[in-house]
Amino acid sequence: MGKKILIAEDEAILSTLLEKKLIEEGYQIFVAEDGEKTMEILNKEEVDLLLLDIIMPKKSGFEVMEEMKKDSKLSKIPIIIISNSGQPVELSKIKELGAKDWLIKTEFAPQEVVEKVKKQIG
């Protein structure tokens, strides 16, 4: 049983693509299509890494990170942001909230996600 990754992404095509790629690499995957579901899974499962979209229904990625930061257990989970924009303001905010790395949706290949995941959790 591989390490557990939660993909929090509301675009089904993208989350399915990431899920398939990471399962091939031996990871166990959970998928949440909104921020509330993300928090539900984080509180129920022992997740090793979170791939987090910023713009999601019900709760944004920023709100999820703010909630995680307040929880001693959840604040230890490495976060890789998947975002549509790479605005400098956003990047400083996500770093401040504890994100370890980020990917711009329009610019990454699935293999790049695998490399960033391995860098964080092996």
PDB file of N, CA and C in Angstrom:
ATOM      1  N   MET A   1       0.845  -1.190   0.000  1.00  0.00           N
ATOM      2  CA  MET A   1       0.000   0.000   0.000  1.00  0.00           C
ATOM      3  C   MET A   1       0.883   1.244   0.000  1.00  0.00           C
ATOM      4  N   GLY A   2       0.751   2.043  -1.030  1.00  0.00           N
ATOM      5  CA  GLY A   2       1.598   3.224  -1.165  1.00  0.00           C
ATOM      6  C   GLY A   2       1.169   4.366  -0.263  1.00  0.00           C
ATOM      7  N   LYS A   3       1.925   5.433  -0.312  1.00  0.00           N
ATOM      8  CA  LYS A   3       1.581   6.626   0.456  1.00  0.00           C
ATOM      9  C   LYS A   3       0.275   7.199  -0.081  1.00  0.00           C
ATOM     10  N   LYS A   4      -0.437   7.911   0.786  1.00  0.00           N
ATOM     11  CA  LYS A   4      -1.761   8.426   0.432  1.00  0.00           C
ATOM     12  C   LYS A   4      -1.700   9.884  -0.005  1.00  0.00           C
ATOM     13  N   ILE A   5      -2.321  10.150  -1.155  1.00  0.00           N
ATOM     14  CA  ILE A   5      -2.368  11.510  -1.693  1.00  0.00           C
ATOM     15  C   ILE A   5      -3.819  11.900  -1.893  1.00  0.00           C
ATOM     16  N   LEU A   6      -4.155  13.099  -1.449  1.00  0.00           N
ATOM     17  CA  LEU A   6      -5.485  13.647  -1.696  1.00  0.00           C
ATOM     18  C   LEU A   6      -5.377  14.676  -2.818  1.00  0.00           C
ATOM     19  N   ILE A   7      -6.158  14.463  -3.876  1.00  0.00           N
ATOM     20  CA  ILE A   7      -6.222  15.422  -4.982  1.00  0.00           C
ATOM     21  C   ILE A   7      -7.491  16.249  -4.780  1.00  0.00           C
ATOM     22  N   ALA A   8      -7.321  17.531  -4.482  1.00  0.00           N
ATOM     23  CA  ALA A   8      -8.458  18.430  -4.301  1.00  0.00           C
ATOM     24  C   ALA A   8      -8.532  19.305  -5.547  1.00  0.00           C
ATOM     25  N   GLU A   9      -9.421  18.935  -6.455  1.00  0.00           N
ATOM     26  CA  GLU A   9      -9.479  19.581  -7.774  1.00  0.00           C
ATOM     27  C   GLU A   9     -10.894  19.452  -8.306  1.00  0.00           C
ATOM     28  N   ASP A  10     -11.516  20.566  -8.708  1.00  0.00           N
ATOM     29  CA  ASP A  10     -12.898  20.511  -9.193  1.00  0.00           C
ATOM     30  C   ASP A  10     -13.027  20.224 -10.696  1.00  0.00           C
ATOM     31  N   GLU A  11     -11.924  20.237 -11.416  1.00  0.00           N
ATOM     32  CA  GLU A  11     -11.978  19.870 -12.842  1.00  0.00           C
ATOM     33  C   GLU A  11     -11.779  18.360 -12.954  1.00  0.00           C
ATOM     34  N   ALA A  12     -12.865  17.649 -13.264  1.00  0.00           N
ATOM     35  CA  ALA A  12     -12.844  16.180 -13.292  1.00  0.00           C
ATOM     36  C   ALA A  12     -11.780  15.618 -14.235  1.00  0.00           C
ATOM     37  N   ILE A  13     -11.620  16.218 -15.397  1.00  0.00           N
ATOM     38  CA  ILE A  13     -10.639  15.713 -16.374  1.00  0.00           C
ATOM     39  C   ILE A  13      -9.231  15.746 -15.781  1.00  0.00           C
ATOM     40  N   LEU A  14      -8.900  16.856 -15.153  1.00  0.00           N
ATOM     41  CA  LEU A  14      -7.569  17.005 -14.561  1.00  0.00           C
ATOM     42  C   LEU A  14      -7.374  16.070 -13.369  1.00  0.00           C
ATOM     43  N   SER A  15      -8.360  15.986 -12.490  1.00  0.00           N
ATOM     44  CA  SER A  15      -8.178  15.112 -11.322  1.00  0.00           C
ATOM     45  C   SER A  15      -8.075  13.648 -11.737  1.00  0.00           C
ATOM     46  N   THR A  16      -8.827  13.233 -12.757  1.00  0.00           N
ATOM     47  CA  THR A  16      -8.750  11.856 -13.256  1.00  0.00           C
ATOM     48  C   THR A  16      -7.376  11.572 -13.847  1.00  0.00           C
ATOM     49  N   LEU A  17      -6.854  12.516 -14.614  1.00  0.00           N
ATOM     50  CA  LEU A  17      -5.531  12.387 -15.212  1.00  0.00           C
ATOM     51  C   LEU A  17      -4.457  12.227 -14.123  1.00  0.00           C
ATOM     52  N   LEU A  18      -4.504  13.090 -13.119  1.00  0.00           N
ATOM     53  CA  LEU A  18      -3.543  13.027 -12.018  1.00  0.00           C
ATOM     54  C   LEU A  18      -3.698  11.734 -11.226  1.00  0.00           C
ATOM     55  N   GLU A  19      -4.950  11.345 -10.977  1.00  0.00           N
ATOM     56  CA  GLU A  19      -5.220  10.127 -10.227  1.00  0.00           C
ATOM     57  C   GLU A  19      -4.609   8.916 -10.932  1.00  0.00           C
ATOM     58  N   LYS A  20      -4.857   8.767 -12.233  1.00  0.00           N
ATOM     59  CA  LYS A  20      -4.311   7.625 -13.001  1.00  0.00           C
ATOM     60  C   LYS A  20      -2.787   7.604 -12.938  1.00  0.00           C
ATOM     61  N   LYS A  21      -2.174   8.756 -13.169  1.00  0.00           N
ATOM     62  CA  LYS A  21      -0.716   8.858 -13.188  1.00  0.00           C
ATOM     63  C   LYS A  21      -0.119   8.462 -11.829  1.00  0.00           C
ATOM     64  N   LEU A  22      -0.711   8.963 -10.746  1.00  0.00           N
ATOM     65  CA  LEU A  22      -0.173   8.693  -9.413  1.00  0.00           C
ATOM     66  C   LEU A  22      -0.440   7.259  -8.955  1.00  0.00           C
ATOM     67  N   ILE A  23      -1.560   6.678  -9.383  1.00  0.00           N
ATOM     68  CA  ILE A  23      -1.832   5.261  -9.071  1.00  0.00           C
ATOM     69  C   ILE A  23      -0.792   4.388  -9.772  1.00  0.00           C
ATOM     70  N   GLU A  24      -0.468   4.736 -11.020  1.00  0.00           N
ATOM     71  CA  GLU A  24       0.581   4.005 -11.762  1.00  0.00           C
ATOM     72  C   GLU A  24       1.901   4.029 -11.000  1.00  0.00           C
ATOM     73  N   GLU A  25       2.146   5.126 -10.286  1.00  0.00           N
ATOM     74  CA  GLU A  25       3.396   5.276  -9.532  1.00  0.00           C
ATOM     75  C   GLU A  25       3.325   4.598  -8.161  1.00  0.00           C
ATOM     76  N   GLY A  26       2.175   3.971  -7.857  1.00  0.00           N
ATOM     77  CA  GLY A  26       2.064   3.216  -6.608  1.00  0.00           C
ATOM     78  C   GLY A  26       1.469   3.962  -5.428  1.00  0.00           C
ATOM     79  N   TYR A  27       0.903   5.139  -5.670  1.00  0.00           N
ATOM     80  CA  TYR A  27       0.291   5.901  -4.572  1.00  0.00           C
ATOM     81  C   TYR A  27      -1.172   5.516  -4.419  1.00  0.00           C
ATOM     82  N   GLN A  28      -1.681   5.679  -3.198  1.00  0.00           N
ATOM     83  CA  GLN A  28      -3.107   5.483  -2.936  1.00  0.00           C
ATOM     84  C   GLN A  28      -3.748   6.864  -3.031  1.00  0.00           C
ATOM     85  N   ILE A  29      -4.840   6.977  -3.801  1.00  0.00           N
ATOM     86  CA  ILE A  29      -5.399   8.290  -4.107  1.00  0.00           C
ATOM     87  C   ILE A  29      -6.809   8.485  -3.572  1.00  0.00           C
ATOM     88  N   PHE A  30      -7.042   9.684  -3.038  1.00  0.00           N
ATOM     89  CA  PHE A  30      -8.378  10.151  -2.674  1.00  0.00           C
ATOM     90  C   PHE A  30      -8.628  11.383  -3.533  1.00  0.00           C
ATOM     91  N   VAL A  31      -9.884  11.602  -3.921  1.00  0.00           N
ATOM     92  CA  VAL A  31     -10.207  12.768  -4.738  1.00  0.00           C
ATOM     93  C   VAL A  31     -11.345  13.550  -4.080  1.00  0.00           C
ATOM     94  N   ALA A  32     -11.184  14.869  -4.006  1.00  0.00           N
ATOM     95  CA  ALA A  32     -12.232  15.748  -3.494  1.00  0.00           C
ATOM     96  C   ALA A  32     -12.495  16.808  -4.556  1.00  0.00           C
ATOM     97  N   GLU A  33     -13.786  17.059  -4.834  1.00  0.00           N
ATOM     98  CA  GLU A  33     -14.118  18.016  -5.889  1.00  0.00           C
ATOM     99  C   GLU A  33     -14.428  19.411  -5.343  1.00  0.00           C
ATOM    100  N   ASP A  34     -14.384  19.551  -4.005  1.00  0.00           N
ATOM    101  CA  ASP A  34     -14.580  20.881  -3.430  1.00  0.00           C
ATOM    102  C   ASP A  34     -13.855  20.968  -2.084  1.00  0.00           C
ATOM    103  N   GLY A  35     -13.804  22.173  -1.539  1.00  0.00           N
ATOM    104  CA  GLY A  35     -13.059  22.403  -0.302  1.00  0.00           C
ATOM    105  C   GLY A  35     -13.628  21.709   0.922  1.00  0.00           C
ATOM    106  N   GLU A  36     -14.974  21.595   0.991  1.00  0.00           N
ATOM    107  CA  GLU A  36     -15.586  20.930   2.144  1.00  0.00           C
ATOM    108  C   GLU A  36     -15.234  19.451   2.165  1.00  0.00           C
ATOM    109  N   LYS A  37     -15.328  18.817   1.003  1.00  0.00           N
ATOM    110  CA  LYS A  37     -14.986  17.391   0.875  1.00  0.00           C
ATOM    111  C   LYS A  37     -13.498  17.191   1.201  1.00  0.00           C
ATOM    112  N   THR A  38     -12.666  18.143   0.791  1.00  0.00           N
ATOM    113  CA  THR A  38     -11.225  18.085   1.085  1.00  0.00           C
ATOM    114  C   THR A  38     -11.002  18.005   2.590  1.00  0.00           C
ATOM    115  N   MET A  39     -11.655  18.883   3.341  1.00  0.00           N
ATOM    116  CA  MET A  39     -11.492  18.897   4.797  1.00  0.00           C
ATOM    117  C   MET A  39     -12.034  17.612   5.425  1.00  0.00           C
ATOM    118  N   GLU A  40     -13.143  17.105   4.879  1.00  0.00           N
ATOM    119  CA  GLU A  40     -13.739  15.860   5.360  1.00  0.00           C
ATOM    120  C   GLU A  40     -12.728  14.710   5.265  1.00  0.00           C
ATOM    121  N   ILE A  41     -12.116  14.574   4.087  1.00  0.00           N
ATOM    122  CA  ILE A  41     -11.137  13.502   3.865  1.00  0.00           C
ATOM    123  C   ILE A  41      -9.903  13.710   4.741  1.00  0.00           C
ATOM    124  N   LEU A  42      -9.420  14.946   4.831  1.00  0.00           N
ATOM    125  CA  LEU A  42      -8.235  15.227   5.647  1.00  0.00           C
ATOM    126  C   LEU A  42      -8.471  14.847   7.110  1.00  0.00           C
ATOM    127  N   ASN A  43      -9.685  15.051   7.605  1.00  0.00           N
ATOM    128  CA  ASN A  43      -9.987  14.737   8.998  1.00  0.00           C
ATOM    129  C   ASN A  43     -10.249  13.251   9.234  1.00  0.00           C
ATOM    130  N   LYS A  44     -10.511  12.512   8.156  1.00  0.00           N
ATOM    131  CA  LYS A  44     -10.841  11.096   8.278  1.00  0.00           C
ATOM    132  C   LYS A  44      -9.653  10.182   7.960  1.00  0.00           C
ATOM    133  N   GLU A  45      -8.872  10.550   6.972  1.00  0.00           N
ATOM    134  CA  GLU A  45      -7.774   9.704   6.491  1.00  0.00           C
ATOM    135  C   GLU A  45      -6.411  10.258   6.913  1.00  0.00           C
ATOM    136  N   GLU A  46      -5.422   9.366   6.983  1.00  0.00           N
ATOM    137  CA  GLU A  46      -4.045   9.790   7.245  1.00  0.00           C
ATOM    138  C   GLU A  46      -3.401  10.063   5.881  1.00  0.00           C
ATOM    139  N   VAL A  47      -3.499  11.302   5.428  1.00  0.00           N
ATOM    140  CA  VAL A  47      -2.997  11.663   4.097  1.00  0.00           C
ATOM    141  C   VAL A  47      -1.534  12.107   4.203  1.00  0.00           C
ATOM    142  N   ASP A  48      -0.704  11.665   3.249  1.00  0.00           N
ATOM    143  CA  ASP A  48       0.724  12.017   3.261  1.00  0.00           C
ATOM    144  C   ASP A  48       1.021  13.297   2.488  1.00  0.00           C
ATOM    145  N   LEU A  49       0.118  13.637   1.538  1.00  0.00           N
ATOM    146  CA  LEU A  49       0.346  14.825   0.706  1.00  0.00           C
ATOM    147  C   LEU A  49      -0.984  15.309   0.153  1.00  0.00           C
ATOM    148  N   LEU A  50      -1.099  16.621  -0.016  1.00  0.00           N
ATOM    149  CA  LEU A  50      -2.303  17.215  -0.592  1.00  0.00           C
ATOM    150  C   LEU A  50      -1.941  17.976  -1.866  1.00  0.00           C
ATOM    151  N   LEU A  51      -2.588  17.600  -2.971  1.00  0.00           N
ATOM    152  CA  LEU A  51      -2.495  18.372  -4.216  1.00  0.00           C
ATOM    153  C   LEU A  51      -3.739  19.241  -4.210  1.00  0.00           C
ATOM    154  N   LEU A  52      -3.564  20.540  -4.125  1.00  0.00           N
ATOM    155  CA  LEU A  52      -4.684  21.439  -3.832  1.00  0.00           C
ATOM    156  C   LEU A  52      -4.894  22.523  -4.890  1.00  0.00           C
ATOM    157  N   ASP A  53      -6.106  22.563  -5.419  1.00  0.00           N
ATOM    158  CA  ASP A  53      -6.512  23.631  -6.331  1.00  0.00           C
ATOM    159  C   ASP A  53      -6.908  24.836  -5.464  1.00  0.00           C
ATOM    160  N   ILE A  54      -6.678  26.044  -5.956  1.00  0.00           N
ATOM    161  CA  ILE A  54      -7.031  27.241  -5.193  1.00  0.00           C
ATOM    162  C   ILE A  54      -8.503  27.607  -5.389  1.00  0.00           C
ATOM    163  N   ILE A  55      -8.965  27.600  -6.639  1.00  0.00           N
ATOM    164  CA  ILE A  55     -10.344  27.999  -6.937  1.00  0.00           C
ATOM    165  C   ILE A  55     -11.225  26.751  -6.974  1.00  0.00           C
ATOM    166  N   MET A  56     -11.984  26.548  -5.894  1.00  0.00           N
ATOM    167  CA  MET A  56     -12.879  25.383  -5.807  1.00  0.00           C
ATOM    168  C   MET A  56     -14.212  25.819  -5.206  1.00  0.00           C
ATOM    169  N   PRO A  57     -15.271  25.037  -5.477  1.00  0.00           N
ATOM    170  CA  PRO A  57     -16.569  25.338  -4.859  1.00  0.00           C
ATOM    171  C   PRO A  57     -16.544  25.092  -3.349  1.00  0.00           C
ATOM    172  N   LYS A  58     -17.482  25.708  -2.644  1.00  0.00           N
ATOM    173  CA  LYS A  58     -17.744  25.550  -1.209  1.00  0.00           C
ATOM    174  C   LYS A  58     -16.645  26.082  -0.290  1.00  0.00           C
ATOM    175  N   LYS A  59     -15.397  25.867  -0.638  1.00  0.00           N
ATOM    176  CA  LYS A  59     -14.264  26.380   0.145  1.00  0.00           C
ATOM    177  C   LYS A  59     -13.080  26.487  -0.789  1.00  0.00           C
ATOM    178  N   SER A  60     -12.415  27.620  -0.773  1.00  0.00           N
ATOM    179  CA  SER A  60     -11.256  27.781  -1.660  1.00  0.00           C
ATOM    180  C   SER A  60     -10.039  27.063  -1.075  1.00  0.00           C
ATOM    181  N   GLY A  61      -9.026  26.891  -1.911  1.00  0.00           N
ATOM    182  CA  GLY A  61      -7.774  26.310  -1.442  1.00  0.00           C
ATOM    183  C   GLY A  61      -7.160  27.124  -0.319  1.00  0.00           C
ATOM    184  N   PHE A  62      -7.314  28.455  -0.401  1.00  0.00           N
ATOM    185  CA  PHE A  62      -6.793  29.312   0.674  1.00  0.00           C
ATOM    186  C   PHE A  62      -7.488  28.998   2.003  1.00  0.00           C
ATOM    187  N   GLU A  63      -8.817  28.835   1.951  1.00  0.00           N
ATOM    188  CA  GLU A  63      -9.569  28.521   3.171  1.00  0.00           C
ATOM    189  C   GLU A  63      -9.158  27.162   3.736  1.00  0.00           C
ATOM    190  N   VAL A  64      -8.956  26.195   2.841  1.00  0.00           N
ATOM    191  CA  VAL A  64      -8.511  24.861   3.265  1.00  0.00           C
ATOM    192  C   VAL A  64      -7.149  24.981   3.969  1.00  0.00           C
ATOM    193  N   MET A  65      -6.220  25.728   3.362  1.00  0.00           N
ATOM    194  CA  MET A  65      -4.885  25.878   3.968  1.00  0.00           C
ATOM    195  C   MET A  65      -4.959  26.596   5.310  1.00  0.00           C
ATOM    196  N   GLU A  66      -5.826  27.598   5.409  1.00  0.00           N
ATOM    197  CA  GLU A  66      -5.971  28.321   6.675  1.00  0.00           C
ATOM    198  C   GLU A  66      -6.496  27.388   7.769  1.00  0.00           C
ATOM    199  N   GLU A  67      -7.470  26.529   7.418  1.00  0.00           N
ATOM    200  CA  GLU A  67      -7.996  25.571   8.394  1.00  0.00           C
ATOM    201  C   GLU A  67      -6.936  24.550   8.792  1.00  0.00           C
ATOM    202  N   MET A  68      -6.175  24.076   7.798  1.00  0.00           N
ATOM    203  CA  MET A  68      -5.132  23.085   8.076  1.00  0.00           C
ATOM    204  C   MET A  68      -4.065  23.664   9.000  1.00  0.00           C
ATOM    205  N   LYS A  69      -3.737  24.927   8.797  1.00  0.00           N
ATOM    206  CA  LYS A  69      -2.690  25.583   9.580  1.00  0.00           C
ATOM    207  C   LYS A  69      -3.048  25.635  11.065  1.00  0.00           C
ATOM    208  N   LYS A  70      -4.346  25.715  11.364  1.00  0.00           N
ATOM    209  CA  LYS A  70      -4.814  25.795  12.761  1.00  0.00           C
ATOM    210  C   LYS A  70      -4.828  24.437  13.453  1.00  0.00           C
ATOM    211  N   ASP A  71      -4.684  23.362  12.698  1.00  0.00           N
ATOM    212  CA  ASP A  71      -4.769  22.008  13.244  1.00  0.00           C
ATOM    213  C   ASP A  71      -3.369  21.401  13.320  1.00  0.00           C
ATOM    214  N   SER A  72      -2.947  21.000  14.517  1.00  0.00           N
ATOM    215  CA  SER A  72      -1.569  20.524  14.683  1.00  0.00           C
ATOM    216  C   SER A  72      -1.253  19.298  13.822  1.00  0.00           C
ATOM    217  N   LYS A  73      -2.239  18.414  13.611  1.00  0.00           N
ATOM    218  CA  LYS A  73      -2.006  17.215  12.795  1.00  0.00           C
ATOM    219  C   LYS A  73      -1.981  17.572  11.303  1.00  0.00           C
ATOM    220  N   LEU A  74      -2.977  18.343  10.867  1.00  0.00           N
ATOM    221  CA  LEU A  74      -3.096  18.680   9.442  1.00  0.00           C
ATOM    222  C   LEU A  74      -2.008  19.640   8.968  1.00  0.00           C
ATOM    223  N   SER A  75      -1.503  20.457   9.870  1.00  0.00           N
ATOM    224  CA  SER A  75      -0.485  21.442   9.466  1.00  0.00           C
ATOM    225  C   SER A  75       0.836  20.792   9.046  1.00  0.00           C
ATOM    226  N   LYS A  76       0.996  19.504   9.367  1.00  0.00           N
ATOM    227  CA  LYS A  76       2.229  18.798   8.994  1.00  0.00           C
ATOM    228  C   LYS A  76       2.173  18.206   7.582  1.00  0.00           C
ATOM    229  N   ILE A  77       0.987  18.171   6.977  1.00  0.00           N
ATOM    230  CA  ILE A  77       0.833  17.566   5.648  1.00  0.00           C
ATOM    231  C   ILE A  77       1.395  18.497   4.573  1.00  0.00           C
ATOM    232  N   PRO A  78       2.348  18.004   3.754  1.00  0.00           N
ATOM    233  CA  PRO A  78       2.865  18.851   2.678  1.00  0.00           C
ATOM    234  C   PRO A  78       1.777  19.135   1.633  1.00  0.00           C
ATOM    235  N   ILE A  79       1.766  20.372   1.139  1.00  0.00           N
ATOM    236  CA  ILE A  79       0.772  20.795   0.146  1.00  0.00           C
ATOM    237  C   ILE A  79       1.483  21.223  -1.133  1.00  0.00           C
ATOM    238  N   ILE A  80       0.996  20.706  -2.257  1.00  0.00           N
ATOM    239  CA  ILE A  80       1.435  21.196  -3.563  1.00  0.00           C
ATOM    240  C   ILE A  80       0.202  21.833  -4.204  1.00  0.00           C
ATOM    241  N   ILE A  81       0.318  23.094  -4.544  1.00  0.00           N
ATOM    242  CA  ILE A  81      -0.804  23.839  -5.131  1.00  0.00           C
ATOM    243  C   ILE A  81      -0.882  23.591  -6.637  1.00  0.00           C
ATOM    244  N   ILE A  82      -2.116  23.398  -7.112  1.00  0.00           N
ATOM    245  CA  ILE A  82      -2.362  23.340  -8.557  1.00  0.00           C
ATOM    246  C   ILE A  82      -3.220  24.563  -8.845  1.00  0.00           C
ATOM    247  N   SER A  83      -2.693  25.507  -9.606  1.00  0.00           N
ATOM    248  CA  SER A  83      -3.438  26.741  -9.807  1.00  0.00           C
ATOM    249  C   SER A  83      -3.461  27.157 -11.273  1.00  0.00           C
ATOM    250  N   ASN A  84      -4.460  27.955 -11.622  1.00  0.00           N
ATOM    251  CA  ASN A  84      -4.535  28.494 -12.976  1.00  0.00           C
ATOM    252  C   ASN A  84      -3.596  29.664 -13.171  1.00  0.00           C
ATOM    253  N   SER A  85      -3.238  30.314 -12.077  1.00  0.00           N
ATOM    254  CA  SER A  85      -2.401  31.493 -12.235  1.00  0.00           C
ATOM    255  C   SER A  85      -1.160  31.382 -11.383  1.00  0.00           C
ATOM    256  N   GLY A  86      -0.131  32.063 -11.794  1.00  0.00           N
ATOM    257  CA  GLY A  86       1.096  32.062 -11.008  1.00  0.00           C
ATOM    258  C   GLY A  86       1.412  33.476 -10.584  1.00  0.00           C
ATOM    259  N   GLN A  87       0.389  34.210 -10.194  1.00  0.00           N
ATOM    260  CA  GLN A  87       0.587  35.594  -9.774  1.00  0.00           C
ATOM    261  C   GLN A  87       1.507  35.639  -8.557  1.00  0.00           C
ATOM    262  N   PRO A  88       2.487  36.553  -8.565  1.00  0.00           N
ATOM    263  CA  PRO A  88       3.415  36.655  -7.432  1.00  0.00           C
ATOM    264  C   PRO A  88       2.715  36.827  -6.084  1.00  0.00           C
ATOM    265  N   VAL A  89       1.625  37.591  -6.054  1.00  0.00           N
ATOM    266  CA  VAL A  89       0.890  37.809  -4.805  1.00  0.00           C
ATOM    267  C   VAL A  89       0.361  36.479  -4.281  1.00  0.00           C
ATOM    268  N   GLU A  90      -0.224  35.684  -5.186  1.00  0.00           N
ATOM    269  CA  GLU A  90      -0.742  34.374  -4.814  1.00  0.00           C
ATOM    270  C   GLU A  90       0.376  33.480  -4.308  1.00  0.00           C
ATOM    271  N   LEU A  91       1.509  33.486  -5.021  1.00  0.00           N
ATOM    272  CA  LEU A  91       2.621  32.614  -4.639  1.00  0.00           C
ATOM    273  C   LEU A  91       3.128  32.949  -3.248  1.00  0.00           C
ATOM    274  N   SER A  92       3.212  34.237  -2.907  1.00  0.00           N
ATOM    275  CA  SER A  92       3.690  34.573  -1.568  1.00  0.00           C
ATOM    276  C   SER A  92       2.656  34.157  -0.523  1.00  0.00           C
ATOM    277  N   LYS A  93       1.366  34.288  -0.858  1.00  0.00           N
ATOM    278  CA  LYS A  93       0.313  33.897   0.082  1.00  0.00           C
ATOM    279  C   LYS A  93       0.311  32.387   0.322  1.00  0.00           C
ATOM    280  N   ILE A  94       0.464  31.595  -0.755  1.00  0.00           N
ATOM    281  CA  ILE A  94       0.446  30.141  -0.561  1.00  0.00           C
ATOM    282  C   ILE A  94       1.681  29.661   0.207  1.00  0.00           C
ATOM    283  N   LYS A  95       2.817  30.317  -0.001  1.00  0.00           N
ATOM    284  CA  LYS A  95       4.017  29.946   0.766  1.00  0.00           C
ATOM    285  C   LYS A  95       3.804  30.257   2.241  1.00  0.00           C
ATOM    286  N   GLU A  96       3.222  31.429   2.489  1.00  0.00           N
ATOM    287  CA  GLU A  96       2.928  31.875   3.847  1.00  0.00           C
ATOM    288  C   GLU A  96       2.007  30.871   4.563  1.00  0.00           C
ATOM    289  N   LEU A  97       1.066  30.308   3.814  1.00  0.00           N
ATOM    290  CA  LEU A  97       0.115  29.351   4.384  1.00  0.00           C
ATOM    291  C   LEU A  97       0.682  27.934   4.436  1.00  0.00           C
ATOM    292  N   GLY A  98       1.912  27.743   3.986  1.00  0.00           N
ATOM    293  CA  GLY A  98       2.577  26.456   4.171  1.00  0.00           C
ATOM    294  C   GLY A  98       2.720  25.562   2.953  1.00  0.00           C
ATOM    295  N   ALA A  99       2.368  26.063   1.763  1.00  0.00           N
ATOM    296  CA  ALA A  99       2.534  25.217   0.572  1.00  0.00           C
ATOM    297  C   ALA A  99       4.017  24.982   0.302  1.00  0.00           C
ATOM    298  N   LYS A 100       4.360  23.742  -0.066  1.00  0.00           N
ATOM    299  CA  LYS A 100       5.749  23.369  -0.324  1.00  0.00           C
ATOM    300  C   LYS A 100       6.154  23.631  -1.775  1.00  0.00           C
ATOM    301  N   ASP A 101       5.177  23.590  -2.678  1.00  0.00           N
ATOM    302  CA  ASP A 101       5.476  23.701  -4.104  1.00  0.00           C
ATOM    303  C   ASP A 101       4.183  24.042  -4.832  1.00  0.00           C
ATOM    304  N   TRP A 102       4.283  24.353  -6.119  1.00  0.00           N
ATOM    305  CA  TRP A 102       3.082  24.630  -6.889  1.00  0.00           C
ATOM    306  C   TRP A 102       3.281  24.296  -8.351  1.00  0.00           C
ATOM    307  N   LEU A 103       2.154  24.129  -9.036  1.00  0.00           N
ATOM    308  CA  LEU A 103       2.134  23.845 -10.469  1.00  0.00           C
ATOM    309  C   LEU A 103       1.107  24.778 -11.105  1.00  0.00           C
ATOM    310  N   ILE A 104       1.418  25.263 -12.295  1.00  0.00           N
ATOM    311  CA  ILE A 104       0.453  26.060 -13.045  1.00  0.00           C
ATOM    312  C   ILE A 104      -0.254  25.100 -13.997  1.00  0.00           C
ATOM    313  N   LYS A 105      -1.592  25.020 -13.886  1.00  0.00           N
ATOM    314  CA  LYS A 105      -2.379  24.047 -14.654  1.00  0.00           C
ATOM    315  C   LYS A 105      -2.050  23.991 -16.137  1.00  0.00           C
ATOM    316  N   THR A 106      -1.915  25.154 -16.750  1.00  0.00           N
ATOM    317  CA  THR A 106      -1.720  25.179 -18.206  1.00  0.00           C
ATOM    318  C   THR A 106      -0.314  24.776 -18.620  1.00  0.00           C
ATOM    319  N   GLU A 107       0.598  24.674 -17.646  1.00  0.00           N
ATOM    320  CA  GLU A 107       2.002  24.488 -18.011  1.00  0.00           C
ATOM    321  C   GLU A 107       2.632  23.172 -17.601  1.00  0.00           C
ATOM    322  N   PHE A 108       1.920  22.308 -16.865  1.00  0.00           N
ATOM    323  CA  PHE A 108       2.633  21.125 -16.390  1.00  0.00           C
ATOM    324  C   PHE A 108       2.243  19.841 -17.110  1.00  0.00           C
ATOM    325  N   ALA A 109       3.182  18.894 -17.112  1.00  0.00           N
ATOM    326  CA  ALA A 109       2.937  17.551 -17.632  1.00  0.00           C
ATOM    327  C   ALA A 109       2.745  16.641 -16.422  1.00  0.00           C
ATOM    328  N   PRO A 110       1.945  15.564 -16.558  1.00  0.00           N
ATOM    329  CA  PRO A 110       1.738  14.662 -15.419  1.00  0.00           C
ATOM    330  C   PRO A 110       3.040  14.179 -14.777  1.00  0.00           C
ATOM    331  N   GLN A 111       4.059  13.946 -15.587  1.00  0.00           N
ATOM    332  CA  GLN A 111       5.341  13.476 -15.047  1.00  0.00           C
ATOM    333  C   GLN A 111       5.949  14.497 -14.085  1.00  0.00           C
ATOM    334  N   GLU A 112       5.712  15.769 -14.364  1.00  0.00           N
ATOM    335  CA  GLU A 112       6.227  16.827 -13.500  1.00  0.00           C
ATOM    336  C   GLU A 112       5.569  16.757 -12.118  1.00  0.00           C
ATOM    337  N   VAL A 113       4.285  16.414 -12.105  1.00  0.00           N
ATOM    338  CA  VAL A 113       3.563  16.255 -10.840  1.00  0.00           C
ATOM    339  C   VAL A 113       4.206  15.121 -10.048  1.00  0.00           C
ATOM    340  N   VAL A 114       4.469  14.002 -10.718  1.00  0.00           N
ATOM    341  CA  VAL A 114       5.091  12.850 -10.072  1.00  0.00           C
ATOM    342  C   VAL A 114       6.443  13.247  -9.466  1.00  0.00           C
ATOM    343  N   GLU A 115       7.237  13.997 -10.207  1.00  0.00           N
ATOM    344  CA  GLU A 115       8.548  14.432  -9.697  1.00  0.00           C
ATOM    345  C   GLU A 115       8.402  15.294  -8.446  1.00  0.00           C
ATOM    346  N   LYS A 116       7.450  16.229  -8.477  1.00  0.00           N
ATOM    347  CA  LYS A 116       7.250  17.124  -7.314  1.00  0.00           C
ATOM    348  C   LYS A 116       6.731  16.328  -6.117  1.00  0.00           C
ATOM    349  N   VAL A 117       5.857  15.367  -6.359  1.00  0.00           N
ATOM    350  CA  VAL A 117       5.323  14.520  -5.281  1.00  0.00           C
ATOM    351  C   VAL A 117       6.467  13.721  -4.655  1.00  0.00           C
ATOM    352  N   LYS A 118       7.292  13.105  -5.506  1.00  0.00           N
ATOM    353  CA  LYS A 118       8.410  12.291  -4.996  1.00  0.00           C
ATOM    354  C   LYS A 118       9.386  13.141  -4.186  1.00  0.00           C
ATOM    355  N   LYS A 119       9.570  14.395  -4.603  1.00  0.00           N
ATOM    356  CA  LYS A 119      10.466  15.278  -3.885  1.00  0.00           C
ATOM    357  C   LYS A 119       9.943  15.524  -2.456  1.00  0.00           C
ATOM    358  N   GLN A 120       8.618  15.557  -2.307  1.00  0.00           N
ATOM    359  CA  GLN A 120       8.026  15.829  -0.995  1.00  0.00           C
ATOM    360  C   GLN A 120       7.890  14.597  -0.110  1.00  0.00           C
ATOM    361  N   ILE A 121       7.438  13.470  -0.704  1.00  0.00           N
ATOM    362  CA  ILE A 121       7.155  12.299   0.149  1.00  0.00           C
ATOM    363  C   ILE A 121       7.815  10.999  -0.308  1.00  0.00           C
ATOM    364  N   GLY A 122       8.612  11.067  -1.347  1.00  0.00           N
ATOM    365  CA  GLY A 122       9.326   9.870  -1.798  1.00  0.00           C
ATOM    366  C   GLY A 122       8.474   8.911  -2.604  1.00  0.00           C
TER     367      GLY A 122
END
